[in-house]
């Protein structure tokens, strides 16, 4: 229509042209029997858009679309133009501190385009930016429902559900009970080691006393007094340690109960998200951590099983990284599951094997520790942790002689220990730092070490040989390695 075009092209005549357009269109509809003419309503809608009359534009364009369905795409373009103006105006008002005005404009935008979730995600983001997570979550949920199964809004739906679970997790992160439970888990290992040590010594003292009684033997009075004092002190220490352990476990149970209730909304939000997007690594890891922190180790482990099943091309690091962190925080069962799944994709990640062995040791898993320790030893034969886990693995299976043999190799028998404190693979190769440490009071013998850099299938991609000279007592020799080759995923070495 010429008057509308003139209003746009000639700003100085805008008001005059718009007035003329309104007069012509309303007269055509009201007086010239053009009420069934889609074009009249179409141009009236465009007039209302130019004047910022949202209700008028909505009504007129709706009539036009009903009368001329084939023009729906063109009409939708103008509706979307008006919607965009409202959205931007609402954002500007909010950012200028006029929150009520901004929300009012955004609500109008939502009425204009009720099937477009972007309005609701915008409102949610504004609330989230002000720390109003409850309102933000409600609007993200509304955005996801609005998107439904419309493929045009699939990404909007995913972002809305993703933002919702992030807000839910943010709300419970750093909960005092979770922090306290972490400290308790960290203390359990040392408490249990203390109980084991004191109990072993006490058992030997009791056995010695019973043996003397059976033989009718007696200690000298002074020795008997010393023996009684030591055995009493050891018994008291063991009792204190057991009481401390019982209190710690009771506190852990109480914290787990509290966290189960506190974490429930976040866990539900994550489960809702993963029901639709089961291969999302971040969501699965967050869910597993919440389950683990609240004492639900089996559910936490199952999350990683589901992730591995649904994400067929999942990178091993997506499982190994969270697995090592969980083990480091004392959440051994889910950590072990994540590591086992990750190591199935990359069996030669030494740090992950070490963490898995540590988890199996803490879980007292006699079936799994020894084979894991053997895999670790194959990569790292001159590392004390490898040898000690071998000893523990045999001990768990009751093979005392084999356990003692590896204890001897790990401590008095190992002259030079090899460690690889840094290993950084990339698409072109890898760099590593290697340290050879003399553990003895005398100089070590010279030897040669060959490092092999492996792909995920265990095939050598590159190798590096280094002569290790005699190392002075209690000192170390360090060297760096850089190799080229694609697909390096791990390393192993052998000494000669």
Foldseek 3Di string as FASTA:
>chain_A
DVLCVCLVVPVVCNVVSLVVLVVVLVCCVPPVVCVLPLVSLLVQLVSCLVVVNLVSNLVSLVSSCVSPVVCVVVSVVSLVVSLVVLQVVLVVCVVVVNNVVSVVSLVSSCVSPVLQLPSLQSVLVSCVVVVNLVSSLVSLVVSLVSPPPPPVCPVSNLVSLVVNLVSLLVVCPPPPLLVLLLVLLVCLVVLVVLLVVLVVVLVVLVVVVVVCVVVVHDDDPVVVVVSVVVNVVSVVSNVVSVVVNVVSVVSNLVSLVVLCVSSVVSLVSLVVSCVVVVQDLVSLLSNLVSCLSSPNLVVSLVSLVSNCVVCVVDALCSLQVSLLVCLVSNSQRSSLSSLVSSCVQAVFALVSLLSNLSSCLVVLPLVPNQVSLVSNCQFFVQALSSLQSNLSSCVSVVNNVSNVVSVCCNPVNRQKHKDWPDWAADFWWIKTKMKIWGADQAWDAKWKKKKFFAARVRDGFDMDMDIDHTDGHGGMDMDMDTDTGGRGDHMGMDMD
